[in-house]
Amino acid sequence: MPNIKSVIKDVKKSRERHERNIAVKSKIKTFVKKAKGAMAAGDAAVTQQAVSAATSVIDKAAEKGIIHKNAAARRKSRMMLSANKAKV
């Protein structure tokens, strides 16, 4: 553990951010998993709702800087492609 007060604060902030980042990334995975499950079930209305919710969570994570904006765009794009294939 560091002795300098400002470094102690930095370590604390780093831990808090790390915990937040892990929680949000887990949330993203959960919502994407729900969307994929809805796609597999084949219900168009439920799929649309699940994809919308997952997209929202991904956008919020990118906005907060937890994931890169291009990574968010890539994840949303892949999810939309899967959703559109599931509709056909």
PDB file of N, CA and C in Angstrom:
ATOM      1  N   MET A   1       0.843  -1.186   0.000  1.00  0.00           N
ATOM      2  CA  MET A   1       0.000   0.000   0.000  1.00  0.00           C
ATOM      3  C   MET A   1       0.884   1.244   0.000  1.00  0.00           C
ATOM      4  N   PRO A   2       0.558   2.225  -0.827  1.00  0.00           N
ATOM      5  CA  PRO A   2       1.391   3.435  -0.896  1.00  0.00           C
ATOM      6  C   PRO A   2       1.259   4.300   0.365  1.00  0.00           C
ATOM      7  N   ASN A   3       2.257   5.130   0.584  1.00  0.00           N
ATOM      8  CA  ASN A   3       2.270   6.019   1.749  1.00  0.00           C
ATOM      9  C   ASN A   3       1.760   7.415   1.420  1.00  0.00           C
ATOM     10  N   ILE A   4       1.829   7.800   0.172  1.00  0.00           N
ATOM     11  CA  ILE A   4       1.453   9.156  -0.230  1.00  0.00           C
ATOM     12  C   ILE A   4      -0.068   9.238  -0.348  1.00  0.00           C
ATOM     13  N   LYS A   5      -0.628  10.295   0.233  1.00  0.00           N
ATOM     14  CA  LYS A   5      -2.084  10.439   0.326  1.00  0.00           C
ATOM     15  C   LYS A   5      -2.757  10.463  -1.056  1.00  0.00           C
ATOM     16  N   SER A   6      -2.187  11.188  -1.984  1.00  0.00           N
ATOM     17  CA  SER A   6      -2.800  11.286  -3.310  1.00  0.00           C
ATOM     18  C   SER A   6      -2.757   9.947  -4.045  1.00  0.00           C
ATOM     19  N   VAL A   7      -1.698   9.174  -3.830  1.00  0.00           N
ATOM     20  CA  VAL A   7      -1.581   7.874  -4.472  1.00  0.00           C
ATOM     21  C   VAL A   7      -2.566   6.886  -3.844  1.00  0.00           C
ATOM     22  N   ILE A   8      -2.786   7.009  -2.536  1.00  0.00           N
ATOM     23  CA  ILE A   8      -3.783   6.173  -1.868  1.00  0.00           C
ATOM     24  C   ILE A   8      -5.154   6.437  -2.478  1.00  0.00           C
ATOM     25  N   LYS A   9      -5.467   7.707  -2.712  1.00  0.00           N
ATOM     26  CA  LYS A   9      -6.741   8.086  -3.328  1.00  0.00           C
ATOM     27  C   LYS A   9      -6.833   7.532  -4.759  1.00  0.00           C
ATOM     28  N   ASP A  10      -5.720   7.603  -5.494  1.00  0.00           N
ATOM     29  CA  ASP A  10      -5.703   7.080  -6.866  1.00  0.00           C
ATOM     30  C   ASP A  10      -5.970   5.581  -6.897  1.00  0.00           C
ATOM     31  N   VAL A  11      -5.388   4.860  -5.950  1.00  0.00           N
ATOM     32  CA  VAL A  11      -5.594   3.411  -5.871  1.00  0.00           C
ATOM     33  C   VAL A  11      -7.056   3.116  -5.578  1.00  0.00           C
ATOM     34  N   LYS A  12      -7.638   3.891  -4.658  1.00  0.00           N
ATOM     35  CA  LYS A  12      -9.051   3.694  -4.306  1.00  0.00           C
ATOM     36  C   LYS A  12      -9.951   3.959  -5.508  1.00  0.00           C
ATOM     37  N   LYS A  13      -9.673   5.055  -6.223  1.00  0.00           N
ATOM     38  CA  LYS A  13     -10.470   5.378  -7.409  1.00  0.00           C
ATOM     39  C   LYS A  13     -10.320   4.308  -8.483  1.00  0.00           C
ATOM     40  N   SER A  14      -9.108   3.806  -8.638  1.00  0.00           N
ATOM     41  CA  SER A  14      -8.852   2.772  -9.630  1.00  0.00           C
ATOM     42  C   SER A  14      -9.653   1.515  -9.316  1.00  0.00           C
ATOM     43  N   ARG A  15      -9.701   1.131  -8.056  1.00  0.00           N
ATOM     44  CA  ARG A  15     -10.471  -0.050  -7.653  1.00  0.00           C
ATOM     45  C   ARG A  15     -11.956   0.141  -7.911  1.00  0.00           C
ATOM     46  N   GLU A  16     -12.452   1.339  -7.574  1.00  0.00           N
ATOM     47  CA  GLU A  16     -13.872   1.635  -7.787  1.00  0.00           C
ATOM     48  C   GLU A  16     -14.219   1.574  -9.272  1.00  0.00           C
ATOM     49  N   ARG A  17     -13.363   2.161 -10.101  1.00  0.00           N
ATOM     50  CA  ARG A  17     -13.594   2.128 -11.549  1.00  0.00           C
ATOM     51  C   ARG A  17     -13.549   0.702 -12.074  1.00  0.00           C
ATOM     52  N   HIS A  18     -12.600  -0.066 -11.568  1.00  0.00           N
ATOM     53  CA  HIS A  18     -12.454  -1.459 -11.997  1.00  0.00           C
ATOM     54  C   HIS A  18     -13.723  -2.249 -11.690  1.00  0.00           C
ATOM     55  N   GLU A  19     -14.258  -2.070 -10.496  1.00  0.00           N
ATOM     56  CA  GLU A  19     -15.489  -2.766 -10.105  1.00  0.00           C
ATOM     57  C   GLU A  19     -16.660  -2.327 -10.981  1.00  0.00           C
ATOM     58  N   ARG A  20     -16.754  -1.025 -11.253  1.00  0.00           N
ATOM     59  CA  ARG A  20     -17.823  -0.514 -12.101  1.00  0.00           C
ATOM     60  C   ARG A  20     -17.702  -1.071 -13.516  1.00  0.00           C
ATOM     61  N   ASN A  21     -16.484  -1.077 -14.040  1.00  0.00           N
ATOM     62  CA  ASN A  21     -16.268  -1.572 -15.398  1.00  0.00           C
ATOM     63  C   ASN A  21     -16.656  -3.036 -15.519  1.00  0.00           C
ATOM     64  N   ILE A  22     -16.277  -3.831 -14.534  1.00  0.00           N
ATOM     65  CA  ILE A  22     -16.617  -5.254 -14.553  1.00  0.00           C
ATOM     66  C   ILE A  22     -18.131  -5.435 -14.511  1.00  0.00           C
ATOM     67  N   ALA A  23     -18.802  -4.666 -13.663  1.00  0.00           N
ATOM     68  CA  ALA A  23     -20.258  -4.778 -13.528  1.00  0.00           C
ATOM     69  C   ALA A  23     -20.960  -4.417 -14.838  1.00  0.00           C
ATOM     70  N   VAL A  24     -20.517  -3.350 -15.475  1.00  0.00           N
ATOM     71  CA  VAL A  24     -21.165  -2.908 -16.717  1.00  0.00           C
ATOM     72  C   VAL A  24     -20.890  -3.898 -17.844  1.00  0.00           C
ATOM     73  N   LYS A  25     -19.664  -4.415 -17.919  1.00  0.00           N
ATOM     74  CA  LYS A  25     -19.352  -5.402 -18.957  1.00  0.00           C
ATOM     75  C   LYS A  25     -20.173  -6.669 -18.769  1.00  0.00           C
ATOM     76  N   SER A  26     -20.386  -7.058 -17.520  1.00  0.00           N
ATOM     77  CA  SER A  26     -21.216  -8.216 -17.228  1.00  0.00           C
ATOM     78  C   SER A  26     -22.658  -7.958 -17.649  1.00  0.00           C
ATOM     79  N   LYS A  27     -23.123  -6.743 -17.403  1.00  0.00           N
ATOM     80  CA  LYS A  27     -24.479  -6.360 -17.788  1.00  0.00           C
ATOM     81  C   LYS A  27     -24.642  -6.426 -19.305  1.00  0.00           C
ATOM     82  N   ILE A  28     -23.635  -5.965 -20.034  1.00  0.00           N
ATOM     83  CA  ILE A  28     -23.669  -6.027 -21.492  1.00  0.00           C
ATOM     84  C   ILE A  28     -23.813  -7.479 -21.939  1.00  0.00           C
ATOM     85  N   LYS A  29     -22.985  -8.353 -21.374  1.00  0.00           N
ATOM     86  CA  LYS A  29     -23.023  -9.769 -21.747  1.00  0.00           C
ATOM     87  C   LYS A  29     -24.392 -10.375 -21.467  1.00  0.00           C
ATOM     88  N   THR A  30     -24.984 -10.003 -20.322  1.00  0.00           N
ATOM     89  CA  THR A  30     -26.300 -10.536 -19.952  1.00  0.00           C
ATOM     90  C   THR A  30     -27.364 -10.111 -20.953  1.00  0.00           C
ATOM     91  N   PHE A  31     -27.375  -8.830 -21.309  1.00  0.00           N
ATOM     92  CA  PHE A  31     -28.395  -8.331 -22.221  1.00  0.00           C
ATOM     93  C   PHE A  31     -28.219  -8.898 -23.631  1.00  0.00           C
ATOM     94  N   VAL A  32     -26.968  -9.063 -24.065  1.00  0.00           N
ATOM     95  CA  VAL A  32     -26.712  -9.646 -25.383  1.00  0.00           C
ATOM     96  C   VAL A  32     -27.150 -11.110 -25.393  1.00  0.00           C
ATOM     97  N   LYS A  33     -26.898 -11.803 -24.290  1.00  0.00           N
ATOM     98  CA  LYS A  33     -27.303 -13.201 -24.173  1.00  0.00           C
ATOM     99  C   LYS A  33     -28.829 -13.327 -24.250  1.00  0.00           C
ATOM    100  N   LYS A  34     -29.536 -12.411 -23.586  1.00  0.00           N
ATOM    101  CA  LYS A  34     -31.001 -12.410 -23.636  1.00  0.00           C
ATOM    102  C   LYS A  34     -31.485 -12.156 -25.063  1.00  0.00           C
ATOM    103  N   ALA A  35     -30.826 -11.248 -25.754  1.00  0.00           N
ATOM    104  CA  ALA A  35     -31.208 -10.938 -27.135  1.00  0.00           C
ATOM    105  C   ALA A  35     -30.986 -12.154 -28.038  1.00  0.00           C
ATOM    106  N   LYS A  36     -29.863 -12.834 -27.856  1.00  0.00           N
ATOM    107  CA  LYS A  36     -29.587 -14.035 -28.666  1.00  0.00           C
ATOM    108  C   LYS A  36     -30.604 -15.132 -28.372  1.00  0.00           C
ATOM    109  N   GLY A  37     -30.998 -15.248 -27.107  1.00  0.00           N
ATOM    110  CA  GLY A  37     -32.015 -16.222 -26.737  1.00  0.00           C
ATOM    111  C   GLY A  37     -33.353 -15.913 -27.379  1.00  0.00           C
ATOM    112  N   ALA A  38     -33.696 -14.630 -27.428  1.00  0.00           N
ATOM    113  CA  ALA A  38     -34.941 -14.219 -28.073  1.00  0.00           C
ATOM    114  C   ALA A  38     -34.889 -14.496 -29.572  1.00  0.00           C
ATOM    115  N   MET A  39     -33.721 -14.290 -30.177  1.00  0.00           N
ATOM    116  CA  MET A  39     -33.566 -14.579 -31.607  1.00  0.00           C
ATOM    117  C   MET A  39     -33.757 -16.065 -31.875  1.00  0.00           C
ATOM    118  N   ALA A  40     -33.194 -16.883 -31.000  1.00  0.00           N
ATOM    119  CA  ALA A  40     -33.310 -18.331 -31.171  1.00  0.00           C
ATOM    120  C   ALA A  40     -34.752 -18.800 -31.003  1.00  0.00           C
ATOM    121  N   ALA A  41     -35.495 -18.126 -30.119  1.00  0.00           N
ATOM    122  CA  ALA A  41     -36.899 -18.489 -29.884  1.00  0.00           C
ATOM    123  C   ALA A  41     -37.761 -18.149 -31.100  1.00  0.00           C
ATOM    124  N   GLY A  42     -37.386 -17.091 -31.817  1.00  0.00           N
ATOM    125  CA  GLY A  42     -38.083 -16.746 -33.053  1.00  0.00           C
ATOM    126  C   GLY A  42     -39.232 -15.769 -32.899  1.00  0.00           C
ATOM    127  N   ASP A  43     -39.472 -15.261 -31.698  1.00  0.00           N
ATOM    128  CA  ASP A  43     -40.542 -14.285 -31.492  1.00  0.00           C
ATOM    129  C   ASP A  43     -40.027 -12.897 -31.879  1.00  0.00           C
ATOM    130  N   ALA A  44     -40.611 -12.321 -32.929  1.00  0.00           N
ATOM    131  CA  ALA A  44     -40.116 -11.054 -33.474  1.00  0.00           C
ATOM    132  C   ALA A  44     -40.260  -9.901 -32.475  1.00  0.00           C
ATOM    133  N   ALA A  45     -41.379  -9.835 -31.765  1.00  0.00           N
ATOM    134  CA  ALA A  45     -41.615  -8.730 -30.837  1.00  0.00           C
ATOM    135  C   ALA A  45     -40.631  -8.779 -29.665  1.00  0.00           C
ATOM    136  N   VAL A  46     -40.444  -9.965 -29.122  1.00  0.00           N
ATOM    137  CA  VAL A  46     -39.517 -10.118 -27.996  1.00  0.00           C
ATOM    138  C   VAL A  46     -38.088  -9.854 -28.448  1.00  0.00           C
ATOM    139  N   THR A  47     -37.759 -10.315 -29.644  1.00  0.00           N
ATOM    140  CA  THR A  47     -36.422 -10.080 -30.189  1.00  0.00           C
ATOM    141  C   THR A  47     -36.153  -8.590 -30.342  1.00  0.00           C
ATOM    142  N   GLN A  48     -37.112  -7.878 -30.893  1.00  0.00           N
ATOM    143  CA  GLN A  48     -36.963  -6.434 -31.094  1.00  0.00           C
ATOM    144  C   GLN A  48     -36.733  -5.724 -29.762  1.00  0.00           C
ATOM    145  N   GLN A  49     -37.505  -6.114 -28.758  1.00  0.00           N
ATOM    146  CA  GLN A  49     -37.395  -5.490 -27.440  1.00  0.00           C
ATOM    147  C   GLN A  49     -36.033  -5.803 -26.811  1.00  0.00           C
ATOM    148  N   ALA A  50     -35.598  -7.054 -26.898  1.00  0.00           N
ATOM    149  CA  ALA A  50     -34.324  -7.470 -26.310  1.00  0.00           C
ATOM    150  C   ALA A  50     -33.147  -6.798 -27.002  1.00  0.00           C
ATOM    151  N   VAL A  51     -33.207  -6.704 -28.318  1.00  0.00           N
ATOM    152  CA  VAL A  51     -32.132  -6.053 -29.073  1.00  0.00           C
ATOM    153  C   VAL A  51     -32.075  -4.562 -28.729  1.00  0.00           C
ATOM    154  N   SER A  52     -33.226  -3.950 -28.595  1.00  0.00           N
ATOM    155  CA  SER A  52     -33.287  -2.534 -28.223  1.00  0.00           C
ATOM    156  C   SER A  52     -32.665  -2.306 -26.846  1.00  0.00           C
ATOM    157  N   ALA A  53     -32.989  -3.174 -25.889  1.00  0.00           N
ATOM    158  CA  ALA A  53     -32.438  -3.048 -24.538  1.00  0.00           C
ATOM    159  C   ALA A  53     -30.926  -3.254 -24.546  1.00  0.00           C
ATOM    160  N   ALA A  54     -30.457  -4.248 -25.286  1.00  0.00           N
ATOM    161  CA  ALA A  54     -29.027  -4.524 -25.366  1.00  0.00           C
ATOM    162  C   ALA A  54     -28.285  -3.360 -26.026  1.00  0.00           C
ATOM    163  N   THR A  55     -28.880  -2.806 -27.066  1.00  0.00           N
ATOM    164  CA  THR A  55     -28.277  -1.662 -27.753  1.00  0.00           C
ATOM    165  C   THR A  55     -28.132  -0.481 -26.809  1.00  0.00           C
ATOM    166  N   SER A  56     -29.155  -0.263 -26.009  1.00  0.00           N
ATOM    167  CA  SER A  56     -29.132   0.839 -25.046  1.00  0.00           C
ATOM    168  C   SER A  56     -28.007   0.659 -24.027  1.00  0.00           C
ATOM    169  N   VAL A  57     -27.858  -0.540 -23.505  1.00  0.00           N
ATOM    170  CA  VAL A  57     -26.811  -0.825 -22.514  1.00  0.00           C
ATOM    171  C   VAL A  57     -25.433  -0.647 -23.135  1.00  0.00           C
ATOM    172  N   ILE A  58     -25.269  -1.107 -24.365  1.00  0.00           N
ATOM    173  CA  ILE A  58     -23.982  -0.968 -25.051  1.00  0.00           C
ATOM    174  C   ILE A  58     -23.654   0.505 -25.287  1.00  0.00           C
ATOM    175  N   ASP A  59     -24.649   1.285 -25.720  1.00  0.00           N
ATOM    176  CA  ASP A  59     -24.432   2.718 -25.953  1.00  0.00           C
ATOM    177  C   ASP A  59     -24.031   3.440 -24.672  1.00  0.00           C
ATOM    178  N   LYS A  60     -24.693   3.111 -23.576  1.00  0.00           N
ATOM    179  CA  LYS A  60     -24.374   3.761 -22.299  1.00  0.00           C
ATOM    180  C   LYS A  60     -22.955   3.434 -21.855  1.00  0.00           C
ATOM    181  N   ALA A  61     -22.538   2.193 -22.061  1.00  0.00           N
ATOM    182  CA  ALA A  61     -21.177   1.795 -21.692  1.00  0.00           C
ATOM    183  C   ALA A  61     -20.151   2.551 -22.527  1.00  0.00           C
ATOM    184  N   ALA A  62     -20.431   2.717 -23.808  1.00  0.00           N
ATOM    185  CA  ALA A  62     -19.511   3.452 -24.678  1.00  0.00           C
ATOM    186  C   ALA A  62     -19.475   4.929 -24.300  1.00  0.00           C
ATOM    187  N   GLU A  63     -20.616   5.455 -23.928  1.00  0.00           N
ATOM    188  CA  GLU A  63     -20.703   6.861 -23.533  1.00  0.00           C
ATOM    189  C   GLU A  63     -19.871   7.139 -22.284  1.00  0.00           C
ATOM    190  N   LYS A  64     -19.855   6.178 -21.361  1.00  0.00           N
ATOM    191  CA  LYS A  64     -19.093   6.330 -20.123  1.00  0.00           C
ATOM    192  C   LYS A  64     -17.620   5.975 -20.297  1.00  0.00           C
ATOM    193  N   GLY A  65     -17.272   5.453 -21.476  1.00  0.00           N
ATOM    194  CA  GLY A  65     -15.880   5.126 -21.748  1.00  0.00           C
ATOM    195  C   GLY A  65     -15.470   3.755 -21.245  1.00  0.00           C
ATOM    196  N   ILE A  66     -16.435   2.916 -20.916  1.00  0.00           N
ATOM    197  CA  ILE A  66     -16.128   1.586 -20.409  1.00  0.00           C
ATOM    198  C   ILE A  66     -15.690   0.672 -21.550  1.00  0.00           C
ATOM    199  N   ILE A  67     -16.345   0.827 -22.693  1.00  0.00           N
ATOM    200  CA  ILE A  67     -15.870   0.167 -23.906  1.00  0.00           C
ATOM    201  C   ILE A  67     -15.675   1.254 -24.959  1.00  0.00           C
ATOM    202  N   HIS A  68     -14.830   0.982 -25.928  1.00  0.00           N
ATOM    203  CA  HIS A  68     -14.547   1.961 -26.979  1.00  0.00           C
ATOM    204  C   HIS A  68     -15.771   2.124 -27.873  1.00  0.00           C
ATOM    205  N   LYS A  69     -15.948   3.321 -28.411  1.00  0.00           N
ATOM    206  CA  LYS A  69     -17.135   3.596 -29.240  1.00  0.00           C
ATOM    207  C   LYS A  69     -17.185   2.709 -30.481  1.00  0.00           C
ATOM    208  N   ASN A  70     -16.012   2.385 -31.047  1.00  0.00           N
ATOM    209  CA  ASN A  70     -16.001   1.506 -32.218  1.00  0.00           C
ATOM    210  C   ASN A  70     -16.336   0.067 -31.836  1.00  0.00           C
ATOM    211  N   ALA A  71     -15.914  -0.339 -30.655  1.00  0.00           N
ATOM    212  CA  ALA A  71     -16.254  -1.679 -30.166  1.00  0.00           C
ATOM    213  C   ALA A  71     -17.767  -1.777 -29.952  1.00  0.00           C
ATOM    214  N   ALA A  72     -18.345  -0.700 -29.430  1.00  0.00           N
ATOM    215  CA  ALA A  72     -19.802  -0.667 -29.225  1.00  0.00           C
ATOM    216  C   ALA A  72     -20.524  -0.753 -30.568  1.00  0.00           C
ATOM    217  N   ALA A  73     -20.050  -0.006 -31.540  1.00  0.00           N
ATOM    218  CA  ALA A  73     -20.669  -0.020 -32.864  1.00  0.00           C
ATOM    219  C   ALA A  73     -20.565  -1.407 -33.491  1.00  0.00           C
ATOM    220  N   ARG A  74     -19.413  -2.050 -33.335  1.00  0.00           N
ATOM    221  CA  ARG A  74     -19.207  -3.385 -33.877  1.00  0.00           C
ATOM    222  C   ARG A  74     -20.151  -4.393 -33.221  1.00  0.00           C
ATOM    223  N   ARG A  75     -20.280  -4.333 -31.906  1.00  0.00           N
ATOM    224  CA  ARG A  75     -21.166  -5.259 -31.197  1.00  0.00           C
ATOM    225  C   ARG A  75     -22.619  -5.061 -31.615  1.00  0.00           C
ATOM    226  N   LYS A  76     -23.035  -3.801 -31.720  1.00  0.00           N
ATOM    227  CA  LYS A  76     -24.416  -3.519 -32.138  1.00  0.00           C
ATOM    228  C   LYS A  76     -24.651  -3.981 -33.564  1.00  0.00           C
ATOM    229  N   SER A  77     -23.684  -3.767 -34.433  1.00  0.00           N
ATOM    230  CA  SER A  77     -23.819  -4.159 -35.825  1.00  0.00           C
ATOM    231  C   SER A  77     -23.982  -5.663 -35.952  1.00  0.00           C
ATOM    232  N   ARG A  78     -23.148  -6.405 -35.254  1.00  0.00           N
ATOM    233  CA  ARG A  78     -23.227  -7.864 -35.307  1.00  0.00           C
ATOM    234  C   ARG A  78     -24.558  -8.360 -34.755  1.00  0.00           C
ATOM    235  N   MET A  79     -25.028  -7.717 -33.683  1.00  0.00           N
ATOM    236  CA  MET A  79     -26.295  -8.122 -33.091  1.00  0.00           C
ATOM    237  C   MET A  79     -27.453  -7.835 -34.047  1.00  0.00           C
ATOM    238  N   MET A  80     -27.412  -6.693 -34.708  1.00  0.00           N
ATOM    239  CA  MET A  80     -28.460  -6.337 -35.658  1.00  0.00           C
ATOM    240  C   MET A  80     -28.469  -7.298 -36.851  1.00  0.00           C
ATOM    241  N   LEU A  81     -27.279  -7.664 -37.328  1.00  0.00           N
ATOM    242  CA  LEU A  81     -27.207  -8.618 -38.429  1.00  0.00           C
ATOM    243  C   LEU A  81     -27.832  -9.951 -38.029  1.00  0.00           C
ATOM    244  N   SER A  82     -27.529 -10.401 -36.830  1.00  0.00           N
ATOM    245  CA  SER A  82     -28.108 -11.663 -36.341  1.00  0.00           C
ATOM    246  C   SER A  82     -29.616 -11.551 -36.197  1.00  0.00           C
ATOM    247  N   ALA A  83     -30.064 -10.403 -35.692  1.00  0.00           N
ATOM    248  CA  ALA A  83     -31.516 -10.206 -35.506  1.00  0.00           C
ATOM    249  C   ALA A  83     -32.235 -10.194 -36.855  1.00  0.00           C
ATOM    250  N   ASN A  84     -31.631  -9.552 -37.844  1.00  0.00           N
ATOM    251  CA  ASN A  84     -32.250  -9.492 -39.168  1.00  0.00           C
ATOM    252  C   ASN A  84     -32.269 -10.873 -39.834  1.00  0.00           C
ATOM    253  N   LYS A  85     -31.220 -11.675 -39.612  1.00  0.00           N
ATOM    254  CA  LYS A  85     -31.197 -13.031 -40.157  1.00  0.00           C
ATOM    255  C   LYS A  85     -32.260 -13.901 -39.485  1.00  0.00           C
ATOM    256  N   ALA A  86     -32.468 -13.661 -38.190  1.00  0.00           N
ATOM    257  CA  ALA A  86     -33.442 -14.459 -37.438  1.00  0.00           C
ATOM    258  C   ALA A  86     -34.871 -14.166 -37.900  1.00  0.00           C
ATOM    259  N   LYS A  87     -35.114 -12.950 -38.388  1.00  0.00           N
ATOM    260  CA  LYS A  87     -36.454 -12.564 -38.854  1.00  0.00           C
ATOM    261  C   LYS A  87     -36.822 -13.300 -40.137  1.00  0.00           C
ATOM    262  N   VAL A  88     -35.843 -13.559 -40.983  1.00  0.00           N
ATOM    263  CA  VAL A  88     -36.086 -14.166 -42.301  1.00  0.00           C
ATOM    264  C   VAL A  88     -36.486 -15.600 -42.218  1.00  0.00           C
TER     265      VAL A  88
END
